[in-house]
Amino acid sequence: MDKTALILVDIQNDYFPGGKMTLEGVEPACANAARLLQHFRDKRLPIFHIRHLAVQPNATFFCRIRPEPRSTRRWRPCPVRPWW
């Protein structure tokens, strides 16, 4: 059995411009992740999206309600996509 999989960790709104903790180089990193993601989707290989999400009502970081930057839409999980 092939053990190849793509694991995308913490490509989150708060790391992009306008977020709570903008990271340097986040746009090129996201572009690379998007290329890898497309390759894995095309090959129908397993993909795992991992993100932190604040559950406290007064949280100011990793909140669900923040608008999604356009650049992050490229790596969003497909609504339903079994890999097997």
PDB file of N, CA and C in Angstrom:
ATOM      1  N   MET A   1       0.829  -1.181   0.000  1.00  0.00           N
ATOM      2  CA  MET A   1       0.000   0.000   0.000  1.00  0.00           C
ATOM      3  C   MET A   1       0.876   1.248   0.000  1.00  0.00           C
ATOM      4  N   ASP A   2       0.539   2.198  -0.866  1.00  0.00           N
ATOM      5  CA  ASP A   2       1.269   3.457  -0.929  1.00  0.00           C
ATOM      6  C   ASP A   2       0.950   4.295   0.305  1.00  0.00           C
ATOM      7  N   LYS A   3       1.968   4.872   0.910  1.00  0.00           N
ATOM      8  CA  LYS A   3       1.766   5.670   2.118  1.00  0.00           C
ATOM      9  C   LYS A   3       1.922   7.164   1.836  1.00  0.00           C
ATOM     10  N   THR A   4       1.708   7.584   0.598  1.00  0.00           N
ATOM     11  CA  THR A   4       1.819   8.984   0.228  1.00  0.00           C
ATOM     12  C   THR A   4       0.534   9.727   0.574  1.00  0.00           C
ATOM     13  N   ALA A   5       0.678  10.871   1.224  1.00  0.00           N
ATOM     14  CA  ALA A   5      -0.470  11.725   1.547  1.00  0.00           C
ATOM     15  C   ALA A   5       0.035  13.160   1.678  1.00  0.00           C
ATOM     16  N   LEU A   6      -0.872  14.095   1.513  1.00  0.00           N
ATOM     17  CA  LEU A   6      -0.559  15.506   1.711  1.00  0.00           C
ATOM     18  C   LEU A   6      -1.235  15.955   2.995  1.00  0.00           C
ATOM     19  N   ILE A   7      -0.464  16.575   3.868  1.00  0.00           N
ATOM     20  CA  ILE A   7      -0.995  17.113   5.112  1.00  0.00           C
ATOM     21  C   ILE A   7      -0.757  18.617   5.096  1.00  0.00           C
ATOM     22  N   LEU A   8      -1.837  19.385   5.054  1.00  0.00           N
ATOM     23  CA  LEU A   8      -1.762  20.841   5.079  1.00  0.00           C
ATOM     24  C   LEU A   8      -2.136  21.304   6.480  1.00  0.00           C
ATOM     25  N   VAL A   9      -1.204  21.994   7.145  1.00  0.00           N
ATOM     26  CA  VAL A   9      -1.402  22.396   8.530  1.00  0.00           C
ATOM     27  C   VAL A   9      -1.372  23.920   8.652  1.00  0.00           C
ATOM     28  N   ASP A  10      -2.406  24.456   9.262  1.00  0.00           N
ATOM     29  CA  ASP A  10      -2.449  25.868   9.657  1.00  0.00           C
ATOM     30  C   ASP A  10      -2.306  26.875   8.513  1.00  0.00           C
ATOM     31  N   ILE A  11      -2.886  26.607   7.369  1.00  0.00           N
ATOM     32  CA  ILE A  11      -2.990  27.647   6.351  1.00  0.00           C
ATOM     33  C   ILE A  11      -4.292  28.362   6.674  1.00  0.00           C
ATOM     34  N   GLN A  12      -4.187  29.367   7.539  1.00  0.00           N
ATOM     35  CA  GLN A  12      -5.376  29.966   8.135  1.00  0.00           C
ATOM     36  C   GLN A  12      -5.437  31.466   7.924  1.00  0.00           C
ATOM     37  N   ASN A  13      -6.647  31.995   7.975  1.00  0.00           N
ATOM     38  CA  ASN A  13      -6.897  33.406   7.722  1.00  0.00           C
ATOM     39  C   ASN A  13      -6.022  34.335   8.552  1.00  0.00           C
ATOM     40  N   ASP A  14      -5.807  34.017   9.816  1.00  0.00           N
ATOM     41  CA  ASP A  14      -5.056  34.916  10.690  1.00  0.00           C
ATOM     42  C   ASP A  14      -3.600  35.077  10.288  1.00  0.00           C
ATOM     43  N   TYR A  15      -3.080  34.224   9.437  1.00  0.00           N
ATOM     44  CA  TYR A  15      -1.700  34.354   8.984  1.00  0.00           C
ATOM     45  C   TYR A  15      -1.559  35.209   7.728  1.00  0.00           C
ATOM     46  N   PHE A  16      -2.687  35.613   7.122  1.00  0.00           N
ATOM     47  CA  PHE A  16      -2.675  36.401   5.891  1.00  0.00           C
ATOM     48  C   PHE A  16      -2.841  37.880   6.215  1.00  0.00           C
ATOM     49  N   PRO A  17      -2.474  38.756   5.267  1.00  0.00           N
ATOM     50  CA  PRO A  17      -2.645  40.193   5.506  1.00  0.00           C
ATOM     51  C   PRO A  17      -4.071  40.500   5.972  1.00  0.00           C
ATOM     52  N   GLY A  18      -4.157  41.307   7.017  1.00  0.00           N
ATOM     53  CA  GLY A  18      -5.442  41.628   7.630  1.00  0.00           C
ATOM     54  C   GLY A  18      -5.790  40.711   8.781  1.00  0.00           C
ATOM     55  N   GLY A  19      -5.014  39.632   8.956  1.00  0.00           N
ATOM     56  CA  GLY A  19      -5.249  38.704  10.057  1.00  0.00           C
ATOM     57  C   GLY A  19      -4.566  39.168  11.328  1.00  0.00           C
ATOM     58  N   LYS A  20      -4.702  38.399  12.364  1.00  0.00           N
ATOM     59  CA  LYS A  20      -4.148  38.762  13.667  1.00  0.00           C
ATOM     60  C   LYS A  20      -2.638  38.521  13.770  1.00  0.00           C
ATOM     61  N   MET A  21      -2.069  37.686  12.896  1.00  0.00           N
ATOM     62  CA  MET A  21      -0.639  37.360  12.983  1.00  0.00           C
ATOM     63  C   MET A  21      -0.093  37.122  11.573  1.00  0.00           C
ATOM     64  N   THR A  22      -0.058  38.166  10.772  1.00  0.00           N
ATOM     65  CA  THR A  22       0.397  38.049   9.391  1.00  0.00           C
ATOM     66  C   THR A  22       1.833  37.528   9.350  1.00  0.00           C
ATOM     67  N   LEU A  23       2.056  36.508   8.559  1.00  0.00           N
ATOM     68  CA  LEU A  23       3.383  35.918   8.425  1.00  0.00           C
ATOM     69  C   LEU A  23       4.067  36.409   7.151  1.00  0.00           C
ATOM     70  N   GLU A  24       5.348  36.604   7.229  1.00  0.00           N
ATOM     71  CA  GLU A  24       6.127  36.983   6.049  1.00  0.00           C
ATOM     72  C   GLU A  24       6.212  35.782   5.116  1.00  0.00           C
ATOM     73  N   GLY A  25       5.980  36.025   3.825  1.00  0.00           N
ATOM     74  CA  GLY A  25       6.080  34.952   2.830  1.00  0.00           C
ATOM     75  C   GLY A  25       4.862  34.056   2.758  1.00  0.00           C
ATOM     76  N   VAL A  26       3.760  34.456   3.379  1.00  0.00           N
ATOM     77  CA  VAL A  26       2.579  33.598   3.417  1.00  0.00           C
ATOM     78  C   VAL A  26       1.960  33.411   2.030  1.00  0.00           C
ATOM     79  N   GLU A  27       1.989  34.432   1.190  1.00  0.00           N
ATOM     80  CA  GLU A  27       1.387  34.304  -0.149  1.00  0.00           C
ATOM     81  C   GLU A  27       2.135  33.284  -1.009  1.00  0.00           C
ATOM     82  N   PRO A  28       3.480  33.358  -1.112  1.00  0.00           N
ATOM     83  CA  PRO A  28       4.172  32.320  -1.886  1.00  0.00           C
ATOM     84  C   PRO A  28       4.021  30.923  -1.282  1.00  0.00           C
ATOM     85  N   ALA A  29       3.984  30.843   0.038  1.00  0.00           N
ATOM     86  CA  ALA A  29       3.791  29.534   0.681  1.00  0.00           C
ATOM     87  C   ALA A  29       2.423  28.971   0.326  1.00  0.00           C
ATOM     88  N   CYS A  30       1.405  29.821   0.320  1.00  0.00           N
ATOM     89  CA  CYS A  30       0.057  29.381  -0.027  1.00  0.00           C
ATOM     90  C   CYS A  30       0.004  28.952  -1.493  1.00  0.00           C
ATOM     91  N   ALA A  31       0.701  29.683  -2.366  1.00  0.00           N
ATOM     92  CA  ALA A  31       0.730  29.308  -3.787  1.00  0.00           C
ATOM     93  C   ALA A  31       1.369  27.928  -3.957  1.00  0.00           C
ATOM     94  N   ASN A  32       2.435  27.656  -3.224  1.00  0.00           N
ATOM     95  CA  ASN A  32       3.060  26.325  -3.280  1.00  0.00           C
ATOM     96  C   ASN A  32       2.119  25.256  -2.760  1.00  0.00           C
ATOM     97  N   ALA A  33       1.439  25.549  -1.656  1.00  0.00           N
ATOM     98  CA  ALA A  33       0.481  24.591  -1.107  1.00  0.00           C
ATOM     99  C   ALA A  33      -0.649  24.334  -2.097  1.00  0.00           C
ATOM    100  N   ALA A  34      -1.093  25.374  -2.787  1.00  0.00           N
ATOM    101  CA  ALA A  34      -2.177  25.209  -3.771  1.00  0.00           C
ATOM    102  C   ALA A  34      -1.734  24.310  -4.919  1.00  0.00           C
ATOM    103  N   ARG A  35      -0.492  24.458  -5.359  1.00  0.00           N
ATOM    104  CA  ARG A  35       0.021  23.583  -6.438  1.00  0.00           C
ATOM    105  C   ARG A  35       0.088  22.131  -5.973  1.00  0.00           C
ATOM    106  N   LEU A  36       0.596  21.925  -4.779  1.00  0.00           N
ATOM    107  CA  LEU A  36       0.643  20.559  -4.230  1.00  0.00           C
ATOM    108  C   LEU A  36      -0.758  19.988  -4.069  1.00  0.00           C
ATOM    109  N   LEU A  37      -1.664  20.796  -3.558  1.00  0.00           N
ATOM    110  CA  LEU A  37      -3.036  20.350  -3.365  1.00  0.00           C
ATOM    111  C   LEU A  37      -3.668  19.934  -4.686  1.00  0.00           C
ATOM    112  N   GLN A  38      -3.481  20.726  -5.721  1.00  0.00           N
ATOM    113  CA  GLN A  38      -4.049  20.387  -7.021  1.00  0.00           C
ATOM    114  C   GLN A  38      -3.465  19.092  -7.562  1.00  0.00           C
ATOM    115  N   HIS A  39      -2.158  18.920  -7.385  1.00  0.00           N
ATOM    116  CA  HIS A  39      -1.503  17.679  -7.828  1.00  0.00           C
ATOM    117  C   HIS A  39      -2.111  16.469  -7.119  1.00  0.00           C
ATOM    118  N   PHE A  40      -2.269  16.561  -5.805  1.00  0.00           N
ATOM    119  CA  PHE A  40      -2.827  15.443  -5.044  1.00  0.00           C
ATOM    120  C   PHE A  40      -4.282  15.189  -5.417  1.00  0.00           C
ATOM    121  N   ARG A  41      -5.032  16.266  -5.678  1.00  0.00           N
ATOM    122  CA  ARG A  41      -6.417  16.083  -6.120  1.00  0.00           C
ATOM    123  C   ARG A  41      -6.467  15.410  -7.485  1.00  0.00           C
ATOM    124  N   ASP A  42      -5.610  15.865  -8.395  1.00  0.00           N
ATOM    125  CA  ASP A  42      -5.581  15.277  -9.738  1.00  0.00           C
ATOM    126  C   ASP A  42      -5.240  13.792  -9.697  1.00  0.00           C
ATOM    127  N   LYS A  43      -4.336  13.418  -8.802  1.00  0.00           N
ATOM    128  CA  LYS A  43      -3.904  12.018  -8.675  1.00  0.00           C
ATOM    129  C   LYS A  43      -4.810  11.214  -7.741  1.00  0.00           C
ATOM    130  N   ARG A  44      -5.803  11.881  -7.144  1.00  0.00           N
ATOM    131  CA  ARG A  44      -6.728  11.248  -6.205  1.00  0.00           C
ATOM    132  C   ARG A  44      -5.988  10.587  -5.028  1.00  0.00           C
ATOM    133  N   LEU A  45      -5.003  11.321  -4.526  1.00  0.00           N
ATOM    134  CA  LEU A  45      -4.238  10.870  -3.369  1.00  0.00           C
ATOM    135  C   LEU A  45      -4.843  11.470  -2.100  1.00  0.00           C
ATOM    136  N   PRO A  46      -4.607  10.844  -0.951  1.00  0.00           N
ATOM    137  CA  PRO A  46      -5.196  11.335   0.302  1.00  0.00           C
ATOM    138  C   PRO A  46      -4.682  12.724   0.684  1.00  0.00           C
ATOM    139  N   ILE A  47      -5.589  13.547   1.171  1.00  0.00           N
ATOM    140  CA  ILE A  47      -5.289  14.913   1.596  1.00  0.00           C
ATOM    141  C   ILE A  47      -5.914  15.129   2.968  1.00  0.00           C
ATOM    142  N   PHE A  48      -5.139  15.725   3.862  1.00  0.00           N
ATOM    143  CA  PHE A  48      -5.620  16.038   5.209  1.00  0.00           C
ATOM    144  C   PHE A  48      -5.409  17.523   5.465  1.00  0.00           C
ATOM    145  N   HIS A  49      -6.488  18.232   5.788  1.00  0.00           N
ATOM    146  CA  HIS A  49      -6.431  19.645   6.148  1.00  0.00           C
ATOM    147  C   HIS A  49      -6.546  19.731   7.663  1.00  0.00           C
ATOM    148  N   ILE A  50      -5.566  20.372   8.290  1.00  0.00           N
ATOM    149  CA  ILE A  50      -5.573  20.506   9.743  1.00  0.00           C
ATOM    150  C   ILE A  50      -5.518  21.991  10.073  1.00  0.00           C
ATOM    151  N   ARG A  51      -6.419  22.435  10.948  1.00  0.00           N
ATOM    152  CA  ARG A  51      -6.398  23.833  11.357  1.00  0.00           C
ATOM    153  C   ARG A  51      -6.815  23.955  12.809  1.00  0.00           C
ATOM    154  N   HIS A  52      -6.313  24.994  13.435  1.00  0.00           N
ATOM    155  CA  HIS A  52      -6.742  25.330  14.782  1.00  0.00           C
ATOM    156  C   HIS A  52      -8.017  26.145  14.671  1.00  0.00           C
ATOM    157  N   LEU A  53      -8.893  25.990  15.608  1.00  0.00           N
ATOM    158  CA  LEU A  53     -10.121  26.764  15.638  1.00  0.00           C
ATOM    159  C   LEU A  53     -10.451  27.093  17.088  1.00  0.00           C
ATOM    160  N   ALA A  54     -10.558  28.393  17.366  1.00  0.00           N
ATOM    161  CA  ALA A  54     -10.888  28.816  18.727  1.00  0.00           C
ATOM    162  C   ALA A  54     -12.343  28.492  19.018  1.00  0.00           C
ATOM    163  N   VAL A  55     -12.595  27.947  20.184  1.00  0.00           N
ATOM    164  CA  VAL A  55     -13.968  27.604  20.560  1.00  0.00           C
ATOM    165  C   VAL A  55     -14.511  28.532  21.645  1.00  0.00           C
ATOM    166  N   GLN A  56     -13.646  29.333  22.251  1.00  0.00           N
ATOM    167  CA  GLN A  56     -14.101  30.258  23.281  1.00  0.00           C
ATOM    168  C   GLN A  56     -14.912  31.379  22.630  1.00  0.00           C
ATOM    169  N   PRO A  57     -16.025  31.783  23.222  1.00  0.00           N
ATOM    170  CA  PRO A  57     -16.863  32.831  22.638  1.00  0.00           C
ATOM    171  C   PRO A  57     -16.149  34.172  22.489  1.00  0.00           C
ATOM    172  N   ASN A  58     -15.160  34.459  23.345  1.00  0.00           N
ATOM    173  CA  ASN A  58     -14.455  35.737  23.291  1.00  0.00           C
ATOM    174  C   ASN A  58     -13.080  35.630  22.619  1.00  0.00           C
ATOM    175  N   ALA A  59     -12.829  34.575  21.900  1.00  0.00           N
ATOM    176  CA  ALA A  59     -11.524  34.373  21.248  1.00  0.00           C
ATOM    177  C   ALA A  59     -11.261  35.459  20.214  1.00  0.00           C
ATOM    178  N   THR A  60     -10.001  35.843  20.079  1.00  0.00           N
ATOM    179  CA  THR A  60      -9.619  36.872  19.098  1.00  0.00           C
ATOM    180  C   THR A  60      -8.722  36.306  18.007  1.00  0.00           C
ATOM    181  N   PHE A  61      -8.398  35.035  18.058  1.00  0.00           N
ATOM    182  CA  PHE A  61      -7.469  34.406  17.127  1.00  0.00           C
ATOM    183  C   PHE A  61      -8.057  33.079  16.683  1.00  0.00           C
ATOM    184  N   PHE A  62      -7.897  32.736  15.417  1.00  0.00           N
ATOM    185  CA  PHE A  62      -8.439  31.502  14.836  1.00  0.00           C
ATOM    186  C   PHE A  62      -9.959  31.419  15.002  1.00  0.00           C
ATOM    187  N   CYS A  63     -10.625  32.515  14.734  1.00  0.00           N
ATOM    188  CA  CYS A  63     -12.079  32.570  14.847  1.00  0.00           C
ATOM    189  C   CYS A  63     -12.729  32.149  13.544  1.00  0.00           C
ATOM    190  N   ARG A  64     -13.867  31.536  13.641  1.00  0.00           N
ATOM    191  CA  ARG A  64     -14.642  31.125  12.470  1.00  0.00           C
ATOM    192  C   ARG A  64     -15.221  32.299  11.699  1.00  0.00           C
ATOM    193  N   ILE A  65     -15.516  33.367  12.361  1.00  0.00           N
ATOM    194  CA  ILE A  65     -16.296  34.432  11.745  1.00  0.00           C
ATOM    195  C   ILE A  65     -15.482  35.387  10.878  1.00  0.00           C
ATOM    196  N   ARG A  66     -14.164  35.301  10.879  1.00  0.00           N
ATOM    197  CA  ARG A  66     -13.365  36.195  10.059  1.00  0.00           C
ATOM    198  C   ARG A  66     -13.621  35.950   8.587  1.00  0.00           C
ATOM    199  N   PRO A  67     -13.685  37.018   7.782  1.00  0.00           N
ATOM    200  CA  PRO A  67     -13.870  36.798   6.345  1.00  0.00           C
ATOM    201  C   PRO A  67     -12.689  36.042   5.749  1.00  0.00           C
ATOM    202  N   GLU A  68     -12.964  35.250   4.773  1.00  0.00           N
ATOM    203  CA  GLU A  68     -11.931  34.422   4.149  1.00  0.00           C
ATOM    204  C   GLU A  68     -11.183  35.224   3.092  1.00  0.00           C
ATOM    205  N   PRO A  69      -9.846  35.355   3.203  1.00  0.00           N
ATOM    206  CA  PRO A  69      -9.100  36.052   2.160  1.00  0.00           C
ATOM    207  C   PRO A  69      -9.179  35.292   0.846  1.00  0.00           C
ATOM    208  N   ARG A  70      -9.174  35.996  -0.252  1.00  0.00           N
ATOM    209  CA  ARG A  70      -9.277  35.358  -1.561  1.00  0.00           C
ATOM    210  C   ARG A  70      -8.175  34.332  -1.769  1.00  0.00           C
ATOM    211  N   SER A  71      -6.965  34.624  -1.306  1.00  0.00           N
ATOM    212  CA  SER A  71      -5.840  33.725  -1.545  1.00  0.00           C
ATOM    213  C   SER A  71      -6.021  32.375  -0.872  1.00  0.00           C
ATOM    214  N   THR A  72      -6.766  32.300   0.221  1.00  0.00           N
ATOM    215  CA  THR A  72      -6.905  31.024   0.921  1.00  0.00           C
ATOM    216  C   THR A  72      -7.942  30.122   0.286  1.00  0.00           C
ATOM    217  N   ARG A  73      -8.767  30.637  -0.600  1.00  0.00           N
ATOM    218  CA  ARG A  73      -9.809  29.808  -1.216  1.00  0.00           C
ATOM    219  C   ARG A  73      -9.222  28.696  -2.072  1.00  0.00           C
ATOM    220  N   ARG A  74      -7.982  28.849  -2.528  1.00  0.00           N
ATOM    221  CA  ARG A  74      -7.363  27.836  -3.389  1.00  0.00           C
ATOM    222  C   ARG A  74      -7.098  26.536  -2.660  1.00  0.00           C
ATOM    223  N   TRP A  75      -6.907  26.592  -1.360  1.00  0.00           N
ATOM    224  CA  TRP A  75      -6.545  25.367  -0.624  1.00  0.00           C
ATOM    225  C   TRP A  75      -7.688  24.828   0.208  1.00  0.00           C
ATOM    226  N   ARG A  76      -8.850  25.426   0.115  1.00  0.00           N
ATOM    227  CA  ARG A  76     -10.000  24.992   0.904  1.00  0.00           C
ATOM    228  C   ARG A  76     -10.347  23.525   0.582  1.00  0.00           C
ATOM    229  N   PRO A  77     -10.712  22.737   1.579  1.00  0.00           N
ATOM    230  CA  PRO A  77     -11.114  21.351   1.302  1.00  0.00           C
ATOM    231  C   PRO A  77     -12.337  21.303   0.384  1.00  0.00           C
ATOM    232  N   CYS A  78     -12.402  20.272  -0.431  1.00  0.00           N
ATOM    233  CA  CYS A  78     -13.595  20.048  -1.250  1.00  0.00           C
ATOM    234  C   CYS A  78     -14.738  19.666  -0.316  1.00  0.00           C
ATOM    235  N   PRO A  79     -15.980  20.021  -0.663  1.00  0.00           N
ATOM    236  CA  PRO A  79     -17.099  19.692   0.227  1.00  0.00           C
ATOM    237  C   PRO A  79     -17.189  18.204   0.543  1.00  0.00           C
ATOM    238  N   VAL A  80     -17.114  17.362  -0.444  1.00  0.00           N
ATOM    239  CA  VAL A  80     -17.122  15.920  -0.224  1.00  0.00           C
ATOM    240  C   VAL A  80     -16.162  15.323  -1.225  1.00  0.00           C
ATOM    241  N   ARG A  81     -15.147  14.627  -0.745  1.00  0.00           N
ATOM    242  CA  ARG A  81     -14.176  14.055  -1.659  1.00  0.00           C
ATOM    243  C   ARG A  81     -13.495  12.863  -1.019  1.00  0.00           C
ATOM    244  N   PRO A  82     -14.083  11.696  -1.116  1.00  0.00           N
ATOM    245  CA  PRO A  82     -13.400  10.516  -0.584  1.00  0.00           C
ATOM    246  C   PRO A  82     -12.136  10.228  -1.396  1.00  0.00           C
ATOM    247  N   TRP A  83     -11.101   9.793  -0.752  1.00  0.00           N
ATOM    248  CA  TRP A  83      -9.837   9.543  -1.455  1.00  0.00           C
ATOM    249  C   TRP A  83      -9.644   8.083  -1.835  1.00  0.00           C
ATOM    250  N   TRP A  84     -10.482   7.200  -1.347  1.00  0.00           N
ATOM    251  CA  TRP A  84     -10.283   5.789  -1.652  1.00  0.00           C
ATOM    252  C   TRP A  84     -10.860   5.414  -2.978  1.00  0.00           C
TER     253      TRP A  84
END
